[in-house]
Amino acid sequence: MKYIILTLLLATTFLYAQEPLKIYYLDRDSLQTESAVYVKAVKEYEKVLKGWKNELDLLQAEVKRIQGLIDAGDNTQATKERLQKKQDKFEQRRQEILGEGGLADAKHAEMIDPLLDKTQKAIEEFVDENNVDIIFYSDTGEIFYMKESIMPKNLTGDIAERVDKK
């Protein structure tokens, strides 16, 4: 009986001595709608992007107009060359704007990427100030941050050895 009481006493002390884990989640979509800085930057970026898309729409409309002339019977070499030049101009400009490393990517890097860095710093400050144990993304469940002291042990090697032995 003495051992049971001692065990219960130790277990109770251990349970009450430990603080509960501080687990938080981050909703990236809501962050972008709740942060005034994000909202402003995204609106400005979308405005610039819309201007470029309007430019592309005008070029594409000109390609369609010339194609319409050809479809209506204006099958001259000059019209075909004009169409090819407009198509080439449209494709070149589309790549300049929307292609990998294009103007849209550069503008995103200029306007949005600094906010991602600022967000990262804000999270790090929050973690330090609040002694956070775990932060995960609410949309994916992916763990964004985990305190090193509670980091789980990787058991892949142990399991691989056991599988290989059997």
N, C-alpha and C. Protein backbone atom coordinates (compact mmCIF):
# COMPACT_ATOMS: atom_id res chain seq x y z
N MET A 1 0.83 -1.19 0.00
CA MET A 1 0.00 0.00 0.00
C MET A 1 0.87 1.25 0.00
N LYS A 2 1.97 1.17 0.76
CA LYS A 2 2.89 2.30 0.85
C LYS A 2 3.43 2.66 -0.54
N TYR A 3 3.74 1.64 -1.36
CA TYR A 3 4.27 1.88 -2.70
C TYR A 3 3.22 2.50 -3.63
N ILE A 4 1.99 2.10 -3.49
CA ILE A 4 0.90 2.65 -4.30
C ILE A 4 0.73 4.13 -4.00
N ILE A 5 0.72 4.49 -2.76
CA ILE A 5 0.57 5.90 -2.38
C ILE A 5 1.76 6.72 -2.86
N LEU A 6 2.95 6.17 -2.70
CA LEU A 6 4.15 6.87 -3.16
C LEU A 6 4.11 7.05 -4.68
N THR A 7 3.71 6.02 -5.39
CA THR A 7 3.60 6.11 -6.85
C THR A 7 2.57 7.15 -7.25
N LEU A 8 1.40 7.15 -6.62
CA LEU A 8 0.37 8.15 -6.91
C LEU A 8 0.86 9.55 -6.60
N LEU A 9 1.56 9.72 -5.49
CA LEU A 9 2.09 11.02 -5.11
C LEU A 9 3.09 11.52 -6.12
N LEU A 10 4.00 10.65 -6.55
CA LEU A 10 5.00 11.03 -7.55
C LEU A 10 4.33 11.35 -8.90
N ALA A 11 3.39 10.54 -9.30
CA ALA A 11 2.69 10.75 -10.57
C ALA A 11 1.94 12.07 -10.55
N THR A 12 1.24 12.35 -9.45
CA THR A 12 0.48 13.59 -9.34
C THR A 12 1.42 14.79 -9.35
N THR A 13 2.52 14.71 -8.64
CA THR A 13 3.49 15.80 -8.61
C THR A 13 4.05 16.04 -10.01
N PHE A 14 4.37 14.96 -10.70
CA PHE A 14 4.92 15.07 -12.05
C PHE A 14 3.90 15.72 -12.98
N LEU A 15 2.66 15.29 -12.91
CA LEU A 15 1.63 15.84 -13.79
C LEU A 15 1.38 17.31 -13.53
N TYR A 16 1.32 17.71 -12.27
CA TYR A 16 1.06 19.11 -11.94
C TYR A 16 2.29 19.99 -12.16
N ALA A 17 3.47 19.41 -12.12
CA ALA A 17 4.69 20.19 -12.29
C ALA A 17 4.90 20.58 -13.76
N GLN A 18 4.37 19.79 -14.66
CA GLN A 18 4.55 20.09 -16.08
C GLN A 18 3.50 21.08 -16.55
N GLU A 19 3.96 22.03 -17.33
CA GLU A 19 3.03 22.97 -17.94
C GLU A 19 2.45 22.33 -19.20
N PRO A 20 1.23 22.68 -19.53
CA PRO A 20 0.68 22.14 -20.78
C PRO A 20 1.43 22.73 -21.97
N LEU A 21 1.45 22.00 -23.05
CA LEU A 21 2.09 22.49 -24.26
C LEU A 21 1.36 23.73 -24.77
N LYS A 22 2.14 24.67 -25.25
CA LYS A 22 1.56 25.87 -25.85
C LYS A 22 1.57 25.67 -27.36
N ILE A 23 0.39 25.34 -27.86
CA ILE A 23 0.24 25.02 -29.28
C ILE A 23 -0.61 26.10 -29.94
N TYR A 24 -0.10 26.62 -31.03
CA TYR A 24 -0.79 27.67 -31.78
C TYR A 24 -0.90 27.25 -33.25
N TYR A 25 -1.82 27.90 -33.95
CA TYR A 25 -1.88 27.70 -35.39
C TYR A 25 -1.86 29.05 -36.08
N LEU A 26 -1.46 29.05 -37.33
CA LEU A 26 -1.39 30.26 -38.14
C LEU A 26 -2.22 30.03 -39.39
N ASP A 27 -3.20 30.89 -39.60
CA ASP A 27 -4.05 30.84 -40.79
C ASP A 27 -3.49 31.85 -41.79
N ARG A 28 -2.75 31.37 -42.77
CA ARG A 28 -2.08 32.27 -43.72
C ARG A 28 -3.07 33.10 -44.52
N ASP A 29 -4.19 32.51 -44.92
CA ASP A 29 -5.17 33.26 -45.69
C ASP A 29 -5.75 34.41 -44.86
N SER A 30 -6.10 34.12 -43.62
CA SER A 30 -6.65 35.17 -42.75
C SER A 30 -5.61 36.23 -42.45
N LEU A 31 -4.36 35.83 -42.31
CA LEU A 31 -3.30 36.81 -42.06
C LEU A 31 -3.26 37.83 -43.18
N GLN A 32 -3.44 37.36 -44.40
CA GLN A 32 -3.37 38.27 -45.55
C GLN A 32 -4.60 39.15 -45.67
N THR A 33 -5.69 38.81 -44.99
CA THR A 33 -6.87 39.67 -45.02
C THR A 33 -7.01 40.50 -43.74
N GLU A 34 -6.35 40.07 -42.67
CA GLU A 34 -6.45 40.79 -41.40
C GLU A 34 -5.33 41.81 -41.20
N SER A 35 -4.24 41.64 -41.89
CA SER A 35 -3.12 42.57 -41.77
C SER A 35 -3.30 43.70 -42.78
N ALA A 36 -3.39 44.91 -42.28
CA ALA A 36 -3.57 46.07 -43.17
C ALA A 36 -2.40 46.20 -44.14
N VAL A 37 -1.20 45.89 -43.68
CA VAL A 37 -0.03 45.98 -44.54
C VAL A 37 -0.12 44.97 -45.69
N TYR A 38 -0.54 43.74 -45.37
CA TYR A 38 -0.72 42.73 -46.41
C TYR A 38 -1.81 43.15 -47.39
N VAL A 39 -2.93 43.61 -46.87
CA VAL A 39 -4.05 44.00 -47.73
C VAL A 39 -3.62 45.08 -48.71
N LYS A 40 -2.92 46.07 -48.21
CA LYS A 40 -2.46 47.18 -49.06
C LYS A 40 -1.49 46.68 -50.13
N ALA A 41 -0.53 45.87 -49.73
CA ALA A 41 0.46 45.37 -50.69
C ALA A 41 -0.17 44.48 -51.75
N VAL A 42 -1.08 43.62 -51.32
CA VAL A 42 -1.74 42.72 -52.28
C VAL A 42 -2.60 43.52 -53.26
N LYS A 43 -3.31 44.53 -52.76
CA LYS A 43 -4.12 45.37 -53.65
C LYS A 43 -3.25 46.09 -54.67
N GLU A 44 -2.13 46.63 -54.21
CA GLU A 44 -1.22 47.32 -55.14
C GLU A 44 -0.65 46.35 -56.17
N TYR A 45 -0.27 45.17 -55.71
CA TYR A 45 0.27 44.17 -56.62
C TYR A 45 -0.79 43.76 -57.65
N GLU A 46 -2.00 43.51 -57.19
CA GLU A 46 -3.08 43.11 -58.10
C GLU A 46 -3.41 44.22 -59.10
N LYS A 47 -3.29 45.46 -58.67
CA LYS A 47 -3.55 46.60 -59.56
C LYS A 47 -2.51 46.62 -60.69
N VAL A 48 -1.24 46.44 -60.34
CA VAL A 48 -0.18 46.41 -61.35
C VAL A 48 -0.38 45.22 -62.28
N LEU A 49 -0.68 44.07 -61.70
CA LEU A 49 -0.90 42.87 -62.48
C LEU A 49 -2.08 43.03 -63.43
N LYS A 50 -3.14 43.68 -62.96
CA LYS A 50 -4.32 43.92 -63.80
C LYS A 50 -3.96 44.80 -64.99
N GLY A 51 -3.12 45.81 -64.76
CA GLY A 51 -2.67 46.67 -65.86
C GLY A 51 -1.93 45.88 -66.92
N TRP A 52 -1.06 44.98 -66.48
CA TRP A 52 -0.33 44.15 -67.43
C TRP A 52 -1.27 43.20 -68.16
N LYS A 53 -2.24 42.65 -67.45
CA LYS A 53 -3.19 41.74 -68.10
C LYS A 53 -4.06 42.49 -69.11
N ASN A 54 -4.41 43.73 -68.80
CA ASN A 54 -5.16 44.54 -69.77
C ASN A 54 -4.33 44.78 -71.02
N GLU A 55 -3.06 45.05 -70.83
CA GLU A 55 -2.15 45.23 -71.97
C GLU A 55 -2.13 43.97 -72.83
N LEU A 56 -2.04 42.82 -72.19
CA LEU A 56 -2.03 41.56 -72.93
C LEU A 56 -3.37 41.31 -73.62
N ASP A 57 -4.45 41.67 -72.96
CA ASP A 57 -5.78 41.51 -73.57
C ASP A 57 -5.90 42.34 -74.85
N LEU A 58 -5.36 43.56 -74.82
CA LEU A 58 -5.39 44.41 -76.02
C LEU A 58 -4.57 43.80 -77.15
N LEU A 59 -3.41 43.30 -76.83
CA LEU A 59 -2.58 42.65 -77.85
C LEU A 59 -3.27 41.41 -78.41
N GLN A 60 -3.90 40.64 -77.54
CA GLN A 60 -4.59 39.43 -77.98
C GLN A 60 -5.81 39.80 -78.84
N ALA A 61 -6.50 40.88 -78.48
CA ALA A 61 -7.65 41.32 -79.27
C ALA A 61 -7.20 41.73 -80.68
N GLU A 62 -6.03 42.35 -80.77
CA GLU A 62 -5.50 42.73 -82.09
C GLU A 62 -5.15 41.49 -82.90
N VAL A 63 -4.60 40.47 -82.26
CA VAL A 63 -4.31 39.21 -82.95
C VAL A 63 -5.62 38.61 -83.48
N LYS A 64 -6.66 38.60 -82.64
CA LYS A 64 -7.95 38.04 -83.06
C LYS A 64 -8.58 38.85 -84.19
N ARG A 65 -8.40 40.16 -84.14
CA ARG A 65 -8.96 41.02 -85.20
C ARG A 65 -8.30 40.69 -86.53
N ILE A 66 -6.98 40.57 -86.54
CA ILE A 66 -6.27 40.26 -87.79
C ILE A 66 -6.61 38.84 -88.26
N GLN A 67 -6.73 37.92 -87.31
CA GLN A 67 -7.13 36.56 -87.66
C GLN A 67 -8.52 36.57 -88.28
N GLY A 68 -9.39 37.43 -87.76
CA GLY A 68 -10.74 37.58 -88.32
C GLY A 68 -10.70 38.06 -89.77
N LEU A 69 -9.76 38.98 -90.08
CA LEU A 69 -9.60 39.45 -91.46
C LEU A 69 -9.22 38.29 -92.38
N ILE A 70 -8.31 37.48 -91.90
CA ILE A 70 -7.87 36.32 -92.70
C ILE A 70 -9.03 35.34 -92.88
N ASP A 71 -9.76 35.09 -91.80
CA ASP A 71 -10.91 34.18 -91.88
C ASP A 71 -11.98 34.71 -92.82
N ALA A 72 -12.07 36.04 -92.94
CA ALA A 72 -13.08 36.66 -93.80
C ALA A 72 -12.63 36.73 -95.26
N GLY A 73 -11.41 36.27 -95.53
CA GLY A 73 -10.99 36.23 -96.93
C GLY A 73 -9.77 37.06 -97.25
N ASP A 74 -9.31 37.91 -96.36
CA ASP A 74 -8.10 38.69 -96.62
C ASP A 74 -6.89 37.80 -96.36
N ASN A 75 -6.59 36.99 -97.33
CA ASN A 75 -5.56 35.98 -97.18
C ASN A 75 -4.24 36.40 -97.79
N THR A 76 -4.00 37.71 -97.84
CA THR A 76 -2.77 38.20 -98.46
C THR A 76 -1.56 37.91 -97.58
N GLN A 77 -0.43 37.89 -98.23
CA GLN A 77 0.83 37.65 -97.50
C GLN A 77 1.08 38.74 -96.47
N ALA A 78 0.75 39.97 -96.81
CA ALA A 78 0.96 41.10 -95.89
C ALA A 78 0.13 40.92 -94.61
N THR A 79 -1.12 40.46 -94.75
CA THR A 79 -1.98 40.25 -93.59
C THR A 79 -1.46 39.09 -92.75
N LYS A 80 -1.00 38.04 -93.40
CA LYS A 80 -0.45 36.90 -92.67
C LYS A 80 0.81 37.31 -91.90
N GLU A 81 1.65 38.13 -92.52
CA GLU A 81 2.86 38.60 -91.84
C GLU A 81 2.51 39.50 -90.66
N ARG A 82 1.50 40.36 -90.87
CA ARG A 82 1.04 41.23 -89.77
C ARG A 82 0.54 40.40 -88.59
N LEU A 83 -0.21 39.34 -88.92
CA LEU A 83 -0.72 38.44 -87.88
C LEU A 83 0.45 37.78 -87.14
N GLN A 84 1.41 37.27 -87.88
CA GLN A 84 2.55 36.62 -87.24
C GLN A 84 3.32 37.58 -86.34
N LYS A 85 3.51 38.82 -86.80
CA LYS A 85 4.22 39.82 -85.99
C LYS A 85 3.45 40.12 -84.70
N LYS A 86 2.14 40.24 -84.81
CA LYS A 86 1.32 40.51 -83.61
C LYS A 86 1.33 39.33 -82.66
N GLN A 87 1.27 38.12 -83.22
CA GLN A 87 1.33 36.93 -82.37
C GLN A 87 2.67 36.86 -81.64
N ASP A 88 3.73 37.14 -82.38
CA ASP A 88 5.07 37.12 -81.77
C ASP A 88 5.19 38.20 -80.69
N LYS A 89 4.65 39.38 -80.98
CA LYS A 89 4.71 40.48 -80.01
C LYS A 89 3.92 40.11 -78.76
N PHE A 90 2.74 39.52 -78.96
CA PHE A 90 1.91 39.11 -77.82
C PHE A 90 2.65 38.07 -76.98
N GLU A 91 3.21 37.05 -77.62
CA GLU A 91 3.88 35.98 -76.88
C GLU A 91 5.12 36.50 -76.17
N GLN A 92 5.86 37.37 -76.82
CA GLN A 92 7.06 37.95 -76.20
C GLN A 92 6.68 38.77 -74.97
N ARG A 93 5.66 39.59 -75.11
CA ARG A 93 5.24 40.43 -73.98
C ARG A 93 4.65 39.58 -72.86
N ARG A 94 3.91 38.54 -73.21
CA ARG A 94 3.34 37.64 -72.20
C ARG A 94 4.46 36.99 -71.39
N GLN A 95 5.52 36.56 -72.08
CA GLN A 95 6.66 35.96 -71.38
C GLN A 95 7.38 36.99 -70.51
N GLU A 96 7.53 38.21 -71.02
CA GLU A 96 8.17 39.28 -70.23
C GLU A 96 7.42 39.54 -68.94
N ILE A 97 6.10 39.48 -69.03
CA ILE A 97 5.28 39.81 -67.86
C ILE A 97 5.05 38.60 -66.97
N LEU A 98 4.54 37.51 -67.55
CA LEU A 98 4.08 36.38 -66.76
C LEU A 98 5.04 35.19 -66.72
N GLY A 99 6.05 35.21 -67.56
CA GLY A 99 6.99 34.10 -67.59
C GLY A 99 7.82 34.02 -66.32
N GLU A 100 8.48 32.88 -66.14
CA GLU A 100 9.32 32.68 -64.96
C GLU A 100 10.40 33.76 -64.92
N GLY A 101 10.49 34.44 -63.79
CA GLY A 101 11.46 35.52 -63.63
C GLY A 101 11.04 36.80 -64.33
N GLY A 102 9.79 36.86 -64.76
CA GLY A 102 9.29 38.03 -65.48
C GLY A 102 8.92 39.19 -64.57
N LEU A 103 8.28 40.17 -65.15
CA LEU A 103 7.91 41.37 -64.42
C LEU A 103 6.99 41.08 -63.23
N ALA A 104 6.06 40.16 -63.41
CA ALA A 104 5.13 39.83 -62.31
C ALA A 104 5.90 39.21 -61.14
N ASP A 105 6.83 38.31 -61.44
CA ASP A 105 7.65 37.70 -60.38
C ASP A 105 8.49 38.76 -59.68
N ALA A 106 9.08 39.66 -60.46
CA ALA A 106 9.92 40.72 -59.88
C ALA A 106 9.09 41.64 -58.99
N LYS A 107 7.89 41.99 -59.45
CA LYS A 107 7.03 42.86 -58.65
C LYS A 107 6.59 42.16 -57.38
N HIS A 108 6.30 40.86 -57.48
CA HIS A 108 5.93 40.07 -56.30
C HIS A 108 7.08 40.08 -55.29
N ALA A 109 8.30 39.86 -55.79
CA ALA A 109 9.48 39.86 -54.92
C ALA A 109 9.67 41.22 -54.27
N GLU A 110 9.37 42.26 -55.00
CA GLU A 110 9.53 43.63 -54.48
C GLU A 110 8.46 43.98 -53.44
N MET A 111 7.22 43.56 -53.67
CA MET A 111 6.11 44.01 -52.84
C MET A 111 5.68 43.00 -51.78
N ILE A 112 5.70 41.72 -52.08
CA ILE A 112 5.14 40.71 -51.19
C ILE A 112 6.22 40.00 -50.38
N ASP A 113 7.32 39.65 -51.00
CA ASP A 113 8.37 38.90 -50.29
C ASP A 113 8.86 39.60 -49.01
N PRO A 114 9.01 40.93 -49.01
CA PRO A 114 9.41 41.58 -47.75
C PRO A 114 8.39 41.36 -46.63
N LEU A 115 7.13 41.22 -46.98
CA LEU A 115 6.10 40.95 -45.97
C LEU A 115 6.25 39.54 -45.41
N LEU A 116 6.67 38.62 -46.24
CA LEU A 116 6.90 37.26 -45.77
C LEU A 116 8.05 37.25 -44.76
N ASP A 117 9.10 38.02 -45.06
CA ASP A 117 10.22 38.14 -44.11
C ASP A 117 9.75 38.80 -42.81
N LYS A 118 8.95 39.83 -42.95
CA LYS A 118 8.43 40.53 -41.77
C LYS A 118 7.54 39.60 -40.93
N THR A 119 6.76 38.78 -41.60
CA THR A 119 5.91 37.80 -40.92
C THR A 119 6.77 36.79 -40.16
N GLN A 120 7.82 36.32 -40.81
CA GLN A 120 8.74 35.36 -40.17
C GLN A 120 9.32 35.96 -38.89
N LYS A 121 9.75 37.21 -38.95
CA LYS A 121 10.33 37.87 -37.77
C LYS A 121 9.28 38.05 -36.68
N ALA A 122 8.06 38.40 -37.07
CA ALA A 122 6.98 38.58 -36.09
C ALA A 122 6.68 37.26 -35.38
N ILE A 123 6.69 36.17 -36.13
CA ILE A 123 6.45 34.85 -35.53
C ILE A 123 7.57 34.50 -34.56
N GLU A 124 8.81 34.75 -34.97
CA GLU A 124 9.95 34.46 -34.08
C GLU A 124 9.85 35.26 -32.79
N GLU A 125 9.45 36.52 -32.88
CA GLU A 125 9.27 37.34 -31.68
C GLU A 125 8.17 36.78 -30.80
N PHE A 126 7.06 36.38 -31.42
CA PHE A 126 5.94 35.80 -30.67
C PHE A 126 6.38 34.54 -29.94
N VAL A 127 7.12 33.69 -30.64
CA VAL A 127 7.62 32.44 -30.05
C VAL A 127 8.46 32.75 -28.82
N ASP A 128 9.37 33.70 -28.95
CA ASP A 128 10.25 34.05 -27.84
C ASP A 128 9.47 34.64 -26.66
N GLU A 129 8.55 35.53 -26.95
CA GLU A 129 7.80 36.23 -25.90
C GLU A 129 6.81 35.32 -25.18
N ASN A 130 6.31 34.29 -25.88
CA ASN A 130 5.24 33.46 -25.32
C ASN A 130 5.65 32.02 -25.03
N ASN A 131 6.93 31.73 -25.14
CA ASN A 131 7.43 30.39 -24.85
C ASN A 131 6.60 29.32 -25.58
N VAL A 132 6.44 29.51 -26.86
CA VAL A 132 5.61 28.63 -27.70
C VAL A 132 6.31 27.29 -27.91
N ASP A 133 5.51 26.22 -27.89
CA ASP A 133 6.04 24.89 -28.14
C ASP A 133 5.87 24.47 -29.60
N ILE A 134 4.67 24.70 -30.15
CA ILE A 134 4.38 24.26 -31.52
C ILE A 134 3.51 25.31 -32.22
N ILE A 135 3.82 25.57 -33.48
CA ILE A 135 2.95 26.36 -34.36
C ILE A 135 2.77 25.55 -35.63
N PHE A 136 1.53 25.42 -36.06
CA PHE A 136 1.28 24.73 -37.31
C PHE A 136 0.37 25.58 -38.19
N TYR A 137 0.42 25.32 -39.49
CA TYR A 137 -0.45 26.02 -40.44
C TYR A 137 -1.82 25.37 -40.41
N SER A 138 -2.84 26.17 -40.24
CA SER A 138 -4.19 25.62 -40.14
C SER A 138 -4.69 25.06 -41.46
N ASP A 139 -4.20 25.59 -42.58
CA ASP A 139 -4.71 25.13 -43.88
C ASP A 139 -4.12 23.78 -44.30
N THR A 140 -2.89 23.49 -43.89
CA THR A 140 -2.26 22.24 -44.31
C THR A 140 -1.96 21.29 -43.15
N GLY A 141 -1.96 21.82 -41.93
CA GLY A 141 -1.59 21.02 -40.78
C GLY A 141 -0.08 20.86 -40.64
N GLU A 142 0.65 21.43 -41.57
CA GLU A 142 2.11 21.36 -41.57
C GLU A 142 2.66 22.10 -40.35
N ILE A 143 3.64 21.49 -39.69
CA ILE A 143 4.25 22.14 -38.54
C ILE A 143 5.20 23.22 -39.03
N PHE A 144 4.97 24.43 -38.57
CA PHE A 144 5.81 25.57 -38.94
C PHE A 144 6.98 25.70 -37.96
N TYR A 145 6.70 25.47 -36.69
CA TYR A 145 7.71 25.62 -35.65
C TYR A 145 7.47 24.59 -34.57
N MET A 146 8.56 24.01 -34.07
CA MET A 146 8.47 23.12 -32.91
C MET A 146 9.70 23.35 -32.06
N LYS A 147 9.45 23.56 -30.78
CA LYS A 147 10.55 23.76 -29.84
C LYS A 147 11.46 22.53 -29.87
N GLU A 148 12.74 22.78 -29.90
CA GLU A 148 13.70 21.69 -30.03
C GLU A 148 13.58 20.66 -28.90
N SER A 149 13.23 21.13 -27.71
CA SER A 149 13.16 20.20 -26.57
C SER A 149 12.02 19.19 -26.68
N ILE A 150 11.06 19.43 -27.53
CA ILE A 150 9.96 18.47 -27.71
C ILE A 150 9.97 17.83 -29.09
N MET A 151 11.04 18.10 -29.84
CA MET A 151 11.16 17.54 -31.19
C MET A 151 11.13 16.02 -31.10
N PRO A 152 10.27 15.38 -31.89
CA PRO A 152 10.19 13.92 -31.83
C PRO A 152 11.45 13.28 -32.41
N LYS A 153 11.76 12.10 -31.91
CA LYS A 153 12.91 11.35 -32.41
C LYS A 153 12.51 10.66 -33.71
N ASN A 154 13.38 10.72 -34.68
CA ASN A 154 13.15 10.05 -35.97
C ASN A 154 13.43 8.56 -35.78
N LEU A 155 12.43 7.74 -35.95
CA LEU A 155 12.59 6.31 -35.74
C LEU A 155 12.70 5.53 -37.04
N THR A 156 12.88 6.21 -38.15
CA THR A 156 12.94 5.55 -39.45
C THR A 156 14.06 4.52 -39.51
N GLY A 157 15.25 4.90 -39.05
CA GLY A 157 16.38 3.96 -39.07
C GLY A 157 16.12 2.73 -38.24
N ASP A 158 15.55 2.92 -37.04
CA ASP A 158 15.24 1.79 -36.16
C ASP A 158 14.24 0.84 -36.81
N ILE A 159 13.21 1.41 -37.41
CA ILE A 159 12.18 0.59 -38.06
C ILE A 159 12.77 -0.14 -39.27
N ALA A 160 13.62 0.56 -40.05
CA ALA A 160 14.24 -0.06 -41.22
C ALA A 160 15.08 -1.26 -40.79
N GLU A 161 15.83 -1.10 -39.68
CA GLU A 161 16.64 -2.23 -39.17
C GLU A 161 15.75 -3.41 -38.80
N ARG A 162 14.65 -3.14 -38.12
CA ARG A 162 13.75 -4.22 -37.69
C ARG A 162 13.13 -4.92 -38.90
N VAL A 163 12.76 -4.14 -39.90
CA VAL A 163 12.19 -4.73 -41.10
C VAL A 163 13.23 -5.61 -41.80
N ASP A 164 14.46 -5.12 -41.87
CA ASP A 164 15.51 -5.88 -42.53
C ASP A 164 15.86 -7.17 -41.79
N LYS A 165 15.70 -7.20 -40.45
CA LYS A 165 16.01 -8.37 -39.65
C LYS A 165 14.97 -9.47 -39.81
N LYS A 166 13.78 -9.12 -40.14
CA LYS A 166 12.69 -10.10 -40.18
C LYS A 166 12.55 -10.72 -41.53
